[in-house]
């Protein structure tokens, strides 16, 4: 069974972990999608068989999409009825379940961290490293038609977009990153209002350890990265203050131009969720801000500002991105679109040409 369907049909998709906040965003983003349609939803066994609309504690404003409401909740451990799977499962569940789905012939695009650093799993940011998708041919289940593809950590997604043109143009020798991360990054039940209200928490379990390895895997580099992460009382939108040592000199103006000119691969113009401009450069002294800037390109673009010299560092900048969209559901969906486009091109005998950055 292939992912591709006749041109007048949308490809059916199953969302695992559909009642959580990332799963809810996937359900919403699939509503009206031009090439994909929500066909199945799954979560824990607690409410198996009940209607999605009766069970989900919808947290995104408005109501769940009409096409999702009557769908029966399946158990996440059940084999989905369609080949394309978008996973918003917790990592502990994803660790064992996602490979078994790929082994059974499913294409699994996952937001979970469980397999991001596995050598044969692409850690994809399509504007930066689309060539990594070829790694799926080395996966043990590839002959069965299965694939496992991951998107990065929610703050890394925006950082990878911002650092890619700097690395490509000037080279990065080292990076120091201080993040201010929104509460929705902890999930629906991740942090209490008493803990975070009027407060900042200078630690997020397991987060600092992800940033350097994931960035380097995406960029194909070995950059020393020092990271300090903070949870702050912002609803949506992660902010990262970035300080870089560069291999080649660059003025703030040089860096701003490299960032503003950065685009996704011209060979992939048709992906529905691919922003025309993945980076928005702000010149105002007090931008970007989560409240004002997370909606750039529908949440799929990162905003960069405060680009400046910052001795003893060569360059400093501030990056803001939507943790729930570009950093999670939107990234997972974009990877699924890339997988679909790749298979469609292969079926036509005209493989997508993706440049190595």
Protein backbone atom coordinates (compact mmCIF):
# COMPACT_ATOMS: atom_id res chain seq x y z
CA UNK A 1 0.00 0.00 0.00
CA UNK A 2 1.38 3.38 -1.04
CA UNK A 3 0.93 6.77 0.57
CA UNK A 4 -0.15 8.35 -2.69
CA UNK A 5 -3.78 8.26 -3.80
CA UNK A 6 -5.49 9.38 -6.99
CA UNK A 7 -5.03 13.11 -7.48
CA UNK A 8 -8.64 13.89 -6.56
CA UNK A 9 -8.40 12.11 -3.19
CA UNK A 10 -6.81 13.25 0.02
CA UNK A 11 -4.48 10.77 1.71
CA UNK A 12 -5.89 9.32 4.97
CA UNK A 13 -3.90 10.02 8.13
CA UNK A 14 -3.97 8.64 11.66
CA UNK A 15 -3.02 10.89 14.59
CA UNK A 16 -1.63 9.13 17.66
CA UNK A 17 -1.79 10.97 20.96
CA UNK A 18 -4.70 12.95 19.51
CA UNK A 19 -6.08 14.22 22.83
CA UNK A 20 -2.87 15.97 23.95
CA UNK A 21 -2.01 19.52 23.00
CA UNK A 22 0.25 18.57 20.06
CA UNK A 23 -2.28 16.00 18.89
CA UNK A 24 -5.02 18.62 19.03
CA UNK A 25 -2.93 20.96 16.89
CA UNK A 26 -2.43 18.19 14.35
CA UNK A 27 -6.16 17.54 14.27
CA UNK A 28 -6.81 21.24 13.70
CA UNK A 29 -4.11 21.61 11.03
CA UNK A 30 -5.47 18.63 9.10
CA UNK A 31 -8.90 20.26 8.92
CA UNK A 32 -9.23 21.41 5.32
CA UNK A 33 -5.73 20.28 4.38
CA UNK A 34 -5.45 20.08 0.58
CA UNK A 35 -3.74 16.66 0.36
CA UNK A 36 -4.29 14.94 3.71
CA UNK A 37 -7.43 14.05 5.65
CA UNK A 38 -7.90 12.92 9.21
CA UNK A 39 -9.09 9.30 9.15
CA UNK A 40 -8.30 7.96 12.63
CA UNK A 41 -7.45 9.23 16.10
CA UNK A 42 -5.81 7.28 18.90
CA UNK A 43 -4.86 7.80 22.53
CA UNK A 44 -4.68 5.68 25.68
CA UNK A 45 -7.06 2.79 26.19
CA UNK A 46 -9.06 4.69 28.84
CA UNK A 47 -11.64 6.04 26.37
CA UNK A 48 -11.23 3.56 23.52
CA UNK A 49 -14.35 3.39 21.37
CA UNK A 50 -15.77 6.72 22.54
CA UNK A 51 -16.20 9.66 20.17
CA UNK A 52 -13.24 11.99 19.94
CA UNK A 53 -15.45 15.04 20.42
CA UNK A 54 -16.89 13.62 23.63
CA UNK A 55 -13.52 12.85 25.18
CA UNK A 56 -11.03 15.53 24.15
CA UNK A 57 -10.55 18.51 26.47
CA UNK A 58 -10.15 20.95 23.62
CA UNK A 59 -7.63 23.65 24.57
CA UNK A 60 -7.04 25.60 21.35
CA UNK A 61 -10.11 27.84 21.31
CA UNK A 62 -13.34 27.22 19.48
CA UNK A 63 -14.40 23.63 18.95
CA UNK A 64 -12.74 20.52 17.50
CA UNK A 65 -13.08 20.27 13.70
CA UNK A 66 -16.40 18.77 12.66
CA UNK A 67 -14.75 15.88 10.81
CA UNK A 68 -12.88 14.87 13.97
CA UNK A 69 -15.79 14.94 16.42
CA UNK A 70 -17.47 11.62 15.47
CA UNK A 71 -14.28 9.62 15.02
CA UNK A 72 -13.99 6.73 17.51
CA UNK A 73 -10.90 6.88 19.67
CA UNK A 74 -8.66 3.92 19.02
CA UNK A 75 -6.01 2.59 21.37
CA UNK A 76 -2.56 3.83 20.41
CA UNK A 77 -1.29 0.25 20.48
CA UNK A 78 -3.75 -0.77 17.76
CA UNK A 79 -2.44 -0.86 14.22
CA UNK A 80 -3.87 2.23 12.44
CA UNK A 81 -6.20 1.67 9.47
CA UNK A 82 -4.13 3.93 7.18
CA UNK A 83 -0.47 3.90 6.27
CA UNK A 84 0.48 7.49 7.12
CA UNK A 85 0.79 8.08 10.87
CA UNK A 86 1.46 11.34 12.68
CA UNK A 87 2.66 10.63 16.21
CA UNK A 88 2.25 12.97 19.15
CA UNK A 89 2.81 10.16 21.63
CA UNK A 90 4.81 10.57 24.83
CA UNK A 91 8.39 9.45 24.26
CA UNK A 92 8.17 6.48 26.60
CA UNK A 93 5.33 5.05 24.51
CA UNK A 94 6.80 6.15 21.18
CA UNK A 95 10.08 4.38 21.95
CA UNK A 96 8.54 0.93 21.56
CA UNK A 97 5.45 1.61 19.47
CA UNK A 98 6.78 3.70 16.56
CA UNK A 99 9.37 1.14 15.32
CA UNK A 100 6.72 -1.58 15.41
CA UNK A 101 4.46 0.56 13.22
CA UNK A 102 7.28 1.20 10.76
CA UNK A 103 8.02 -2.54 10.80
CA UNK A 104 4.39 -3.12 9.81
CA UNK A 105 4.81 -0.87 6.76
CA UNK A 106 3.58 2.47 8.07
CA UNK A 107 5.23 5.82 7.41
CA UNK A 108 5.53 7.34 10.89
CA UNK A 109 6.24 11.05 11.25
CA UNK A 110 6.90 11.66 14.92
CA UNK A 111 7.14 14.62 17.24
CA UNK A 112 8.47 12.43 20.06
CA UNK A 113 12.11 12.64 21.14
CA UNK A 114 12.58 8.88 21.46
CA UNK A 115 14.28 8.24 18.09
CA UNK A 116 15.59 11.68 17.07
CA UNK A 117 19.25 10.79 17.54
CA UNK A 118 19.04 7.29 16.12
CA UNK A 119 21.57 7.18 13.27
CA UNK A 120 19.14 5.95 10.61
CA UNK A 121 16.25 8.26 11.54
CA UNK A 122 16.10 11.59 9.67
CA UNK A 123 15.80 14.57 12.02
CA UNK A 124 14.15 16.76 9.43
CA UNK A 125 13.77 20.48 8.96
CA UNK A 126 12.88 20.51 5.25
CA UNK A 127 14.27 23.99 4.57
CA UNK A 128 17.62 22.97 6.06
CA UNK A 129 18.33 19.26 5.52
CA UNK A 130 15.79 17.66 3.16
CA UNK A 131 18.51 15.28 1.91
CA UNK A 132 18.32 13.52 5.29
CA UNK A 133 15.12 11.83 4.13
CA UNK A 134 17.31 9.41 2.15
CA UNK A 135 18.30 7.84 5.48
CA UNK A 136 14.96 6.01 5.52
CA UNK A 137 16.35 3.66 2.84
CA UNK A 138 18.79 2.33 5.47
CA UNK A 139 16.13 1.55 8.05
CA UNK A 140 15.55 -2.15 8.76
CA UNK A 141 11.88 -1.94 7.78
CA UNK A 142 12.41 -0.06 4.50
CA UNK A 143 11.85 -3.17 2.35
CA UNK A 144 8.39 -3.48 3.94
CA UNK A 145 7.59 0.09 2.93
CA UNK A 146 7.91 1.50 6.45
CA UNK A 147 9.59 4.74 7.43
CA UNK A 148 10.30 6.59 10.65
CA UNK A 149 10.97 10.32 10.40
CA UNK A 150 11.36 12.75 13.31
CA UNK A 151 11.09 16.50 13.78
CA UNK A 152 13.29 18.23 16.35
CA UNK A 153 12.65 19.54 19.83
CA UNK A 154 10.31 22.54 19.95
CA UNK A 155 13.01 25.16 20.55
CA UNK A 156 15.53 23.50 18.22
CA UNK A 157 13.13 23.79 15.27
CA UNK A 158 13.35 27.59 15.26
CA UNK A 159 17.04 27.62 16.13
CA UNK A 160 17.90 25.32 13.23
CA UNK A 161 16.18 27.66 10.78
CA UNK A 162 18.04 30.67 12.18
CA UNK A 163 21.47 29.08 12.44
CA UNK A 164 21.45 27.33 9.06
CA UNK A 165 22.16 30.47 6.95
CA UNK A 166 24.73 31.71 9.48
CA UNK A 167 26.55 28.38 9.38
CA UNK A 168 26.33 28.22 5.60
CA UNK A 169 27.59 31.77 5.03
CA UNK A 170 30.06 32.39 7.85
CA UNK A 171 30.57 29.14 9.77
CA UNK A 172 29.85 28.77 13.47
CA UNK A 173 32.65 27.85 15.88
CA UNK A 174 30.57 27.83 19.07
CA UNK A 175 27.12 28.80 20.32
CA UNK A 176 25.69 29.85 23.66
CA UNK A 177 21.90 29.71 23.88
CA UNK A 178 19.58 30.93 26.64
CA UNK A 179 15.91 30.08 26.18
CA UNK A 180 12.65 31.44 27.59
CA UNK A 181 10.12 28.69 26.90
CA UNK A 182 6.34 28.85 26.97
CA UNK A 183 4.21 26.78 29.32
CA UNK A 184 2.46 24.89 26.51
CA UNK A 185 5.80 23.25 25.77
CA UNK A 186 5.19 21.21 28.91
CA UNK A 187 1.88 19.83 27.59
CA UNK A 188 -1.65 20.17 28.92
CA UNK A 189 -0.77 18.94 32.40
CA UNK A 190 2.93 19.71 32.51
CA UNK A 191 3.12 22.63 34.89
CA UNK A 192 0.73 24.17 37.43
CA UNK A 193 -0.36 27.78 37.55
CA UNK A 194 0.92 28.18 41.12
CA UNK A 195 4.38 27.06 39.98
CA UNK A 196 4.69 29.35 36.98
CA UNK A 197 2.46 32.36 37.70
CA UNK A 198 4.68 35.43 38.21
CA UNK A 199 7.71 33.18 38.10
CA UNK A 200 10.53 31.81 35.95
CA UNK A 201 11.87 28.29 36.43
CA UNK A 202 15.55 27.92 35.39
CA UNK A 203 15.38 24.25 34.50
CA UNK A 204 13.35 22.00 32.20
CA UNK A 205 14.09 18.31 32.70
CA UNK A 206 16.06 16.83 29.80
CA UNK A 207 15.83 19.96 27.65
CA UNK A 208 19.37 21.33 27.73
CA UNK A 209 20.75 17.94 26.79
CA UNK A 210 18.72 17.88 23.55
CA UNK A 211 19.67 21.23 22.05
CA UNK A 212 23.30 20.70 21.02
CA UNK A 213 23.03 17.14 19.66
CA UNK A 214 19.84 17.85 17.73
CA UNK A 215 21.16 21.09 16.22
CA UNK A 216 24.35 19.40 15.12
CA UNK A 217 22.52 16.46 13.57
CA UNK A 218 20.30 18.80 11.55
CA UNK A 219 23.12 21.12 10.47
CA UNK A 220 25.63 18.33 9.87
CA UNK A 221 28.12 20.03 12.19
CA UNK A 222 29.99 19.49 15.42
CA UNK A 223 29.48 22.91 17.00
CA UNK A 224 30.08 23.20 20.76
CA UNK A 225 26.76 24.37 22.21
CA UNK A 226 26.20 25.67 25.74
CA UNK A 227 22.52 25.90 26.64
CA UNK A 228 20.52 27.23 29.57
CA UNK A 229 16.75 26.78 29.47
CA UNK A 230 14.00 28.53 31.41
CA UNK A 231 10.25 28.01 31.68
CA UNK A 232 8.43 31.37 31.75
CA UNK A 233 4.76 32.42 32.10
CA UNK A 234 4.12 32.82 28.37
CA UNK A 235 1.34 30.74 26.82
CA UNK A 236 2.81 30.06 23.36
CA UNK A 237 6.13 30.94 21.77
CA UNK A 238 9.70 30.04 22.65
CA UNK A 239 12.38 32.74 22.74
CA UNK A 240 16.08 31.96 22.37
CA UNK A 241 18.88 34.44 22.95
CA UNK A 242 21.81 33.23 20.85
CA UNK A 243 25.50 34.20 21.09
CA UNK A 244 27.86 32.94 18.39
CA UNK A 245 31.57 32.68 17.67
CA UNK A 246 32.00 32.71 13.90
CA UNK A 247 34.60 31.16 11.63
CA UNK A 248 34.52 34.19 9.28
CA UNK A 249 33.89 37.84 10.18
CA UNK A 250 30.34 39.10 9.80
CA UNK A 251 28.80 42.45 10.64
CA UNK A 252 25.24 42.55 11.99
CA UNK A 253 24.17 43.78 8.57
CA UNK A 254 25.87 40.86 6.84
CA UNK A 255 24.12 38.43 9.17
CA UNK A 256 20.74 40.13 8.73
CA UNK A 257 21.04 39.84 4.94
CA UNK A 258 21.97 36.15 5.13
CA UNK A 259 18.96 35.51 7.35
CA UNK A 260 16.55 37.55 5.23
CA UNK A 261 17.65 35.84 2.00
CA UNK A 262 17.33 32.31 3.36
CA UNK A 263 14.67 30.23 1.62
CA UNK A 264 13.50 26.67 1.53
CA UNK A 265 14.65 24.40 -1.29
CA UNK A 266 13.32 25.65 -4.63
CA UNK A 267 12.69 22.05 -5.64
CA UNK A 268 9.92 21.76 -3.03
CA UNK A 269 7.64 24.73 -3.69
CA UNK A 270 4.40 22.83 -3.45
CA UNK A 271 4.37 21.56 0.13
CA UNK A 272 1.21 23.07 1.64
CA UNK A 273 2.79 23.93 5.01
CA UNK A 274 6.16 25.16 3.70
CA UNK A 275 6.46 28.91 4.35
CA UNK A 276 7.64 31.07 1.48
CA UNK A 277 9.97 32.84 3.91
CA UNK A 278 11.04 30.60 6.79
CA UNK A 279 12.78 33.49 8.57
CA UNK A 280 11.34 36.93 9.26
CA UNK A 281 14.00 39.50 10.19
CA UNK A 282 12.79 42.23 12.55
CA UNK A 283 14.66 45.55 12.69
CA UNK A 284 12.80 47.03 15.68
CA UNK A 285 14.90 47.18 18.87
CA UNK A 286 12.26 45.35 20.92
CA UNK A 287 11.33 42.56 18.51
CA UNK A 288 10.73 39.68 18.12
CA UNK A 289 8.25 39.02 20.90
CA UNK A 290 6.14 35.87 21.40
CA UNK A 291 2.85 37.76 21.58
CA UNK A 292 3.53 39.70 18.39
CA UNK A 293 5.57 37.32 16.26
CA UNK A 294 4.63 33.67 16.77
CA UNK A 295 1.96 33.95 14.06
CA UNK A 296 4.47 34.61 11.26
CA UNK A 297 3.52 32.50 8.23
CA UNK A 298 0.75 30.88 10.24
CA UNK A 299 3.23 29.90 12.93
CA UNK A 300 5.58 28.12 10.51
CA UNK A 301 8.24 30.87 10.25
CA UNK A 302 10.75 31.88 12.92
CA UNK A 303 11.33 35.55 13.65
CA UNK A 304 14.85 36.89 14.26
CA UNK A 305 15.88 40.26 15.64
CA UNK A 306 18.30 42.11 17.92
CA UNK A 307 21.08 41.10 15.52
CA UNK A 308 24.18 42.75 16.95
CA UNK A 309 27.81 42.48 17.87
CA UNK A 310 28.20 41.26 21.46
CA UNK A 311 31.85 41.01 22.55
CA UNK A 312 33.43 38.65 23.46
CA UNK A 313 31.05 36.91 21.04
CA UNK A 314 31.03 37.77 17.35
CA UNK A 315 27.27 37.90 16.90
CA UNK A 316 24.12 37.87 19.01
CA UNK A 317 20.47 37.56 18.02
CA UNK A 318 17.05 36.70 19.39
CA UNK A 319 14.90 33.98 17.82
CA UNK A 320 11.17 33.52 18.45
CA UNK A 321 9.11 30.65 17.08
CA UNK A 322 5.76 29.02 17.78
CA UNK A 323 6.54 25.98 19.89
CA UNK A 324 3.22 24.29 19.15
CA UNK A 325 3.25 24.82 15.39
CA UNK A 326 6.76 25.17 13.95
CA UNK A 327 8.17 23.40 16.98
CA UNK A 328 5.75 20.47 17.05
CA UNK A 329 2.54 19.84 15.08
CA UNK A 330 3.42 21.97 12.05
CA UNK A 331 6.89 20.45 11.84
CA UNK A 332 5.46 16.93 12.00
CA UNK A 333 2.88 17.76 9.33
CA UNK A 334 5.48 19.36 7.05
CA UNK A 335 7.61 16.23 7.27
CA UNK A 336 4.59 14.13 6.31
CA UNK A 337 4.03 16.38 3.29
CA UNK A 338 7.68 15.91 2.29
CA UNK A 339 7.36 12.11 2.57
CA UNK A 340 4.22 12.21 0.44
CA UNK A 341 5.90 14.44 -2.17
CA UNK A 342 8.93 12.16 -2.26
CA UNK A 343 6.82 9.06 -2.85
CA UNK A 344 4.69 10.81 -5.44
CA UNK A 345 7.81 11.93 -7.35
CA UNK A 346 9.32 8.44 -7.12
CA UNK A 347 6.11 6.93 -8.47
CA UNK A 348 6.35 9.26 -11.48
CA UNK A 349 9.99 8.40 -11.94
CA UNK A 350 11.05 12.00 -11.35
CA UNK A 351 12.78 12.05 -7.95
CA UNK A 352 12.78 15.32 -6.05
CA UNK A 353 16.17 16.99 -6.25
CA UNK A 354 17.10 18.43 -2.88
CA UNK A 355 20.24 20.53 -2.50
CA UNK A 356 22.84 19.78 0.17
CA UNK A 357 23.29 22.89 2.23
